[in-house]
Amino acid sequence: MASPPVVLAAIAQATERIKLTSAVTVLSTADPVKVFEDFTAVDLISQGRAEITAGRGAYTESFPLFGKELSDYDELFEENLGLLESLNADATVTWTGKHRGPLDRVEVYPRPVHGRIPVWIAVGGTPSSVVRAGRLGLPVYFAILGQPERFAPLAELYRQAGADAGHRTDGGPGSLRSGVTSHFFAASSSQEARDTFYPYYANYIGNNMPGGRSGTLSRAAFEAWAEPHGALMVGSPAEIVEKILWEREILGHDRFLAQIGLGGLPFAETAGSIELLATEILPAVNAAIGTDERQTQGVSA
């Protein structure tokens, strides 16, 4: 999606409570000032419901598109994240970096409803990324695109980096937070979910993932990814609830972000999947972990 804040602003007008976040804002090639201004607009329209999920991204097409060098991949993200955090912390910013012009006592208005916009860091399995998020005390999303168990050491590394930097990690107020994000589709039965979703998901993997890295997704590979300990959240409500709770046991996260409607999945199937998430999956997960469902609902773009 080329412009998540535009879409989220439209969603804000049709909703009242859900959180509104990007997944992912590719901060390596985005202007942090523009990102902050756009999401502040969403925050004001939605009366304080905007969040930013910032990451380096799986795609590389934005680098030539916005005149950036791919060799600066990580350095750009580090620098832009620092500027975004400065903008978020104070209305008057003085800042100097390598990849854009300096700011000298620049005032950035308007400000978010609650003073700051929550910024989550999305990581796909790179240890340095989780260490950076922990050191900065920022909440982190793990993009589960492989076996969930391989993210357990990264979750522990994140908490350790946060603790080493003096951040609270015991789950109390102000503690570091983490979440997982997974590709998602629910139907009344496991077989229906897999049969319905497979052709669209295969299309998504084959045509819409970064060029040269995906290829064709076989049905056998899809079935393996959809197994109880696989990466895909695809199945019946009971099956998905069990997988969410299992992942929480091994990763210790407190938020789940479902990526829905992939590969051209028709609206009716997408809406049905969302309804099952809201009416059956979410209440069952919240009952199991003792969480108020009003604090776990959200939408990403």
Protein backbone atom coordinates (compact mmCIF):
# COMPACT_ATOMS: atom_id res chain seq x y z
CA MET A 1 0.00 0.00 0.00
CA ALA A 2 1.56 3.25 -1.13
CA SER A 3 0.02 5.54 1.50
CA PRO A 4 -1.15 3.85 4.73
CA PRO A 5 -2.00 7.14 6.53
CA VAL A 6 -4.54 8.05 3.83
CA VAL A 7 -6.29 4.70 4.17
CA LEU A 8 -6.11 4.78 7.98
CA ALA A 9 -7.67 8.26 8.00
CA ALA A 10 -10.59 6.88 6.01
CA ILE A 11 -10.92 3.93 8.41
CA ALA A 12 -10.83 6.34 11.34
CA GLN A 13 -14.04 7.95 10.10
CA ALA A 14 -15.89 4.61 10.14
CA THR A 15 -14.65 3.39 13.55
CA GLU A 16 -14.59 4.54 17.15
CA ARG A 17 -12.29 2.32 19.27
CA ILE A 18 -9.84 0.26 17.27
CA LYS A 19 -6.16 1.14 17.06
CA LEU A 20 -4.92 2.28 13.64
CA THR A 21 -1.39 1.29 12.65
CA SER A 22 0.83 0.78 9.65
CA ALA A 23 2.38 -2.57 8.88
CA VAL A 24 5.04 -1.59 7.92
CA THR A 25 6.16 2.02 7.41
CA VAL A 26 9.48 1.57 5.60
CA LEU A 27 11.41 4.16 7.55
CA SER A 28 14.67 3.60 5.68
CA THR A 29 13.32 5.44 2.63
CA ALA A 30 10.61 7.62 4.19
CA ASP A 31 11.03 11.18 5.42
CA PRO A 32 10.55 10.98 9.23
CA VAL A 33 9.10 14.49 9.36
CA LYS A 34 6.46 13.59 6.78
CA VAL A 35 5.75 10.28 8.53
CA PHE A 36 5.24 12.07 11.84
CA GLU A 37 3.01 14.76 10.31
CA ASP A 38 0.88 12.21 8.43
CA PHE A 39 0.34 9.97 11.44
CA THR A 40 -0.35 12.96 13.67
CA ALA A 41 -3.15 13.86 11.24
CA VAL A 42 -4.54 10.32 11.57
CA ASP A 43 -4.17 10.58 15.34
CA LEU A 44 -6.17 13.81 15.47
CA ILE A 45 -8.89 12.52 13.13
CA SER A 46 -9.22 9.34 15.19
CA GLN A 47 -8.99 11.12 18.56
CA GLY A 48 -5.76 9.46 19.63
CA ARG A 49 -5.89 6.00 18.07
CA ALA A 50 -2.92 6.16 15.66
CA GLU A 51 0.25 4.09 15.97
CA ILE A 52 3.32 3.70 13.75
CA THR A 53 4.94 0.34 13.00
CA ALA A 54 8.35 1.19 11.61
CA GLY A 55 10.68 -1.26 9.91
CA ARG A 56 13.37 -1.64 7.28
CA GLY A 57 10.95 -3.58 5.09
CA ALA A 58 11.21 -6.76 3.04
CA TYR A 59 11.06 -4.88 -0.26
CA THR A 60 13.87 -2.92 -1.89
CA GLU A 61 11.91 -1.15 -4.64
CA SER A 62 11.51 2.01 -2.57
CA PHE A 63 15.25 2.72 -2.53
CA PRO A 64 15.63 3.72 -6.20
CA LEU A 65 12.11 5.15 -6.18
CA PHE A 66 13.04 7.69 -3.49
CA GLY A 67 16.66 8.16 -4.52
CA LYS A 68 18.25 6.16 -1.69
CA GLU A 69 21.21 3.79 -1.84
CA LEU A 70 20.50 0.19 -0.89
CA SER A 71 23.98 0.03 0.65
CA ASP A 72 22.72 2.50 3.29
CA TYR A 73 19.85 0.12 4.22
CA ASP A 74 20.51 -0.12 7.97
CA GLU A 75 22.19 3.25 8.44
CA LEU A 76 19.18 5.04 6.96
CA PHE A 77 16.80 3.23 9.29
CA GLU A 78 18.89 4.00 12.38
CA GLU A 79 19.15 7.67 11.50
CA ASN A 80 15.51 8.11 10.52
CA LEU A 81 14.30 6.30 13.62
CA GLY A 82 16.35 8.68 15.75
CA LEU A 83 14.79 11.67 14.05
CA LEU A 84 11.28 10.23 14.36
CA GLU A 85 11.82 9.70 18.09
CA SER A 86 13.06 13.31 18.43
CA LEU A 87 9.97 14.62 16.65
CA ASN A 88 7.77 12.45 18.84
CA ALA A 89 9.38 13.66 22.06
CA ASP A 90 9.40 17.42 21.55
CA ALA A 91 7.62 20.02 19.41
CA THR A 92 10.90 21.92 18.89
CA VAL A 93 13.63 19.85 17.28
CA THR A 94 17.33 20.42 16.66
CA TRP A 95 18.88 17.52 14.79
CA THR A 96 21.81 16.69 12.53
CA GLY A 97 22.31 13.57 10.43
CA LYS A 98 24.18 12.24 7.42
CA HIS A 99 21.42 11.54 4.90
CA ARG A 100 19.27 14.67 5.06
CA GLY A 101 19.61 18.35 5.96
CA PRO A 102 19.82 19.42 9.62
CA LEU A 103 16.97 20.88 11.65
CA ASP A 104 17.67 23.92 13.83
CA ARG A 105 15.00 24.65 16.45
CA VAL A 106 12.28 23.64 14.01
CA GLU A 107 8.76 23.57 15.44
CA VAL A 108 6.57 20.66 14.30
CA TYR A 109 2.82 21.11 14.84
CA PRO A 110 0.14 19.98 15.46
CA ARG A 111 0.99 17.47 18.19
CA PRO A 112 -0.53 14.02 18.84
CA VAL A 113 -3.59 13.82 21.08
CA HIS A 114 -1.76 12.09 23.93
CA GLY A 115 1.55 13.88 23.44
CA ARG A 116 3.29 11.00 21.62
CA ILE A 117 2.35 8.50 18.95
CA PRO A 118 3.23 4.91 19.94
CA VAL A 119 6.04 3.63 17.70
CA TRP A 120 6.50 -0.12 17.33
CA ILE A 121 9.51 -1.65 15.57
CA ALA A 122 8.86 -4.51 13.14
CA VAL A 123 11.60 -7.14 12.87
CA GLY A 124 11.86 -10.17 10.65
CA GLY A 125 14.55 -12.18 12.38
CA THR A 126 17.65 -9.94 12.53
CA PRO A 127 19.32 -9.96 15.98
CA SER A 128 20.68 -6.42 15.59
CA SER A 129 17.13 -5.14 15.03
CA VAL A 130 15.78 -6.60 18.27
CA VAL A 131 18.81 -5.36 20.21
CA ARG A 132 18.24 -1.84 18.87
CA ALA A 133 14.55 -1.90 19.81
CA GLY A 134 15.32 -3.21 23.28
CA ARG A 135 18.08 -0.65 23.83
CA LEU A 136 15.74 2.18 22.83
CA GLY A 137 12.90 0.81 24.95
CA LEU A 138 10.54 0.56 21.96
CA PRO A 139 7.90 -2.15 21.60
CA VAL A 140 8.60 -4.72 18.91
CA TYR A 141 6.60 -6.84 16.46
CA PHE A 142 8.00 -10.17 15.30
CA ALA A 143 6.92 -10.86 11.71
CA ILE A 144 6.34 -14.62 11.85
CA LEU A 145 7.20 -15.76 8.33
CA GLY A 146 9.18 -18.83 9.39
CA GLN A 147 8.92 -21.35 12.20
CA PRO A 148 7.72 -19.49 15.32
CA GLU A 149 10.19 -21.35 17.56
CA ARG A 150 13.13 -19.63 15.88
CA PHE A 151 11.88 -16.29 17.22
CA ALA A 152 12.08 -17.41 20.86
CA PRO A 153 15.82 -16.57 21.18
CA LEU A 154 15.14 -13.22 19.54
CA ALA A 155 12.37 -12.45 22.03
CA GLU A 156 14.75 -13.24 24.87
CA LEU A 157 17.51 -11.16 23.26
CA TYR A 158 15.09 -8.23 22.99
CA ARG A 159 14.16 -8.40 26.67
CA GLN A 160 17.80 -8.79 27.71
CA ALA A 161 18.88 -5.78 25.63
CA GLY A 162 16.08 -3.77 27.19
CA ALA A 163 17.04 -4.83 30.71
CA ASP A 164 20.70 -4.02 30.04
CA ALA A 165 19.64 -0.52 28.97
CA GLY A 166 17.64 -0.03 32.16
CA HIS A 167 14.16 -0.65 30.80
CA ARG A 168 11.53 -2.57 32.74
CA THR A 169 10.87 -6.10 31.44
CA ASP A 170 8.76 -7.71 34.18
CA GLY A 171 5.38 -7.08 32.56
CA GLY A 172 4.40 -4.26 34.92
CA PRO A 173 3.47 -0.69 33.96
CA GLY A 174 6.01 0.79 31.57
CA SER A 175 7.52 -2.59 30.68
CA LEU A 176 8.76 -3.42 27.22
CA ARG A 177 6.01 -4.80 25.02
CA SER A 178 6.15 -7.24 22.12
CA GLY A 179 3.73 -8.61 19.56
CA VAL A 180 3.62 -10.99 16.65
CA THR A 181 2.19 -10.41 13.20
CA SER A 182 1.11 -13.31 10.99
CA HIS A 183 -0.74 -13.89 7.75
CA PHE A 184 -4.28 -14.86 8.73
CA PHE A 185 -7.45 -16.47 7.43
CA ALA A 186 -10.24 -18.10 9.44
CA ALA A 187 -13.24 -20.13 8.31
CA SER A 188 -15.74 -22.38 10.04
CA SER A 189 -13.57 -25.46 9.54
CA SER A 190 -9.87 -26.05 9.04
CA GLN A 191 -10.36 -27.69 5.65
CA GLU A 192 -12.59 -24.89 4.39
CA ALA A 193 -10.05 -22.31 5.50
CA ARG A 194 -7.17 -24.03 3.74
CA ASP A 195 -9.07 -24.81 0.54
CA THR A 196 -10.40 -21.26 0.27
CA PHE A 197 -7.20 -19.42 1.16
CA TYR A 198 -4.58 -21.47 -0.70
CA PRO A 199 -5.04 -20.14 -4.28
CA TYR A 200 -5.08 -16.53 -3.11
CA TYR A 201 -2.13 -16.97 -0.77
CA ALA A 202 -0.15 -18.77 -3.47
CA ASN A 203 -0.89 -15.79 -5.72
CA TYR A 204 0.33 -13.43 -3.00
CA ILE A 205 3.57 -15.34 -2.47
CA GLY A 206 4.19 -15.87 -6.19
CA ASN A 207 3.38 -12.41 -7.49
CA ASN A 208 3.42 -9.89 -4.68
CA MET A 209 6.38 -10.78 -2.50
CA PRO A 210 9.79 -9.19 -3.22
CA GLY A 211 10.99 -10.05 -6.71
CA GLY A 212 13.24 -13.03 -7.12
CA ARG A 213 12.70 -14.40 -3.62
CA SER A 214 9.37 -16.16 -3.69
CA GLY A 215 8.63 -18.45 -6.63
CA THR A 216 5.58 -20.71 -6.64
CA LEU A 217 4.05 -21.84 -3.35
CA SER A 218 3.08 -25.49 -3.60
CA ARG A 219 0.07 -26.88 -1.79
CA ALA A 220 2.38 -29.13 0.23
CA ALA A 221 4.43 -26.13 1.41
CA PHE A 222 1.25 -24.23 2.23
CA GLU A 223 -0.05 -27.14 4.30
CA ALA A 224 3.24 -27.31 6.19
CA TRP A 225 3.07 -23.58 6.97
CA ALA A 226 -0.52 -24.03 8.20
CA GLU A 227 0.33 -26.87 10.60
CA PRO A 228 -0.05 -26.27 14.39
CA HIS A 229 3.57 -25.12 14.74
CA GLY A 230 3.82 -23.45 11.33
CA ALA A 231 3.95 -19.77 10.46
CA LEU A 232 0.47 -19.33 8.94
CA MET A 233 -2.60 -18.55 11.05
CA VAL A 234 -5.04 -20.42 8.82
CA GLY A 235 -7.80 -22.67 10.06
CA SER A 236 -10.88 -22.87 12.26
CA PRO A 237 -11.34 -20.47 15.19
CA ALA A 238 -10.41 -23.18 17.70
CA GLU A 239 -7.28 -24.09 15.75
CA ILE A 240 -6.15 -20.46 15.52
CA VAL A 241 -6.84 -19.81 19.21
CA GLU A 242 -4.66 -22.78 20.12
CA LYS A 243 -1.83 -21.54 17.90
CA ILE A 244 -2.00 -17.97 19.24
CA LEU A 245 -1.80 -19.23 22.82
CA TRP A 246 1.05 -21.63 21.95
CA GLU A 247 3.05 -18.80 20.35
CA ARG A 248 2.43 -16.65 23.41
CA GLU A 249 3.89 -19.39 25.61
CA ILE A 250 7.16 -19.51 23.67
CA LEU A 251 7.52 -15.80 22.81
CA GLY A 252 5.90 -14.04 25.78
CA HIS A 253 4.20 -11.35 23.67
CA ASP A 254 1.03 -9.43 24.56
CA ARG A 255 -0.30 -8.40 21.14
CA PHE A 256 -1.27 -10.29 17.98
CA LEU A 257 -1.62 -8.50 14.65
CA ALA A 258 -3.43 -10.43 11.92
CA GLN A 259 -2.60 -9.58 8.30
CA ILE A 260 -5.83 -10.22 6.43
CA GLY A 261 -7.08 -10.16 2.83
CA LEU A 262 -3.90 -11.24 1.03
CA GLY A 263 -3.59 -12.18 -2.63
CA GLY A 264 -6.89 -10.76 -3.82
CA LEU A 265 -9.07 -12.70 -1.39
CA PRO A 266 -12.68 -11.61 -2.12
CA PHE A 267 -14.37 -9.19 0.23
CA ALA A 268 -16.97 -11.67 1.47
CA GLU A 269 -14.31 -14.15 2.61
CA THR A 270 -12.20 -11.36 4.10
CA ALA A 271 -15.16 -9.96 6.04
CA GLY A 272 -16.13 -13.42 7.27
CA SER A 273 -12.60 -14.00 8.51
CA ILE A 274 -12.61 -10.67 10.37
CA GLU A 275 -15.97 -11.52 11.94
CA LEU A 276 -14.65 -14.84 13.26
CA LEU A 277 -11.58 -13.04 14.61
CA ALA A 278 -13.76 -10.55 16.48
CA THR A 279 -16.57 -12.81 17.69
CA GLU A 280 -14.88 -16.15 18.40
CA ILE A 281 -11.07 -15.96 18.34
CA LEU A 282 -10.48 -12.71 20.22
CA PRO A 283 -12.90 -13.47 23.09
CA ALA A 284 -11.45 -16.98 23.53
CA VAL A 285 -7.86 -15.69 23.62
CA ASN A 286 -8.77 -12.90 26.04
CA ALA A 287 -10.60 -15.34 28.30
CA ALA A 288 -7.56 -17.61 28.37
CA ILE A 289 -5.10 -14.85 29.27
CA GLY A 290 -7.40 -12.56 31.25
CA THR A 291 -7.24 -9.52 28.96
CA ASP A 292 -9.90 -6.88 28.31
CA GLU A 293 -10.85 -7.27 24.63
CA ARG A 294 -11.28 -3.51 24.27
CA GLN A 295 -7.52 -3.17 24.60
CA THR A 296 -6.55 -5.70 21.94
CA GLN A 297 -8.55 -4.72 18.87
CA GLY A 298 -6.83 -2.94 16.01
CA VAL A 299 -6.42 -2.58 12.29
CA SER A 300 -3.28 -2.21 10.22
CA ALA A 301 -2.70 -0.87 6.74
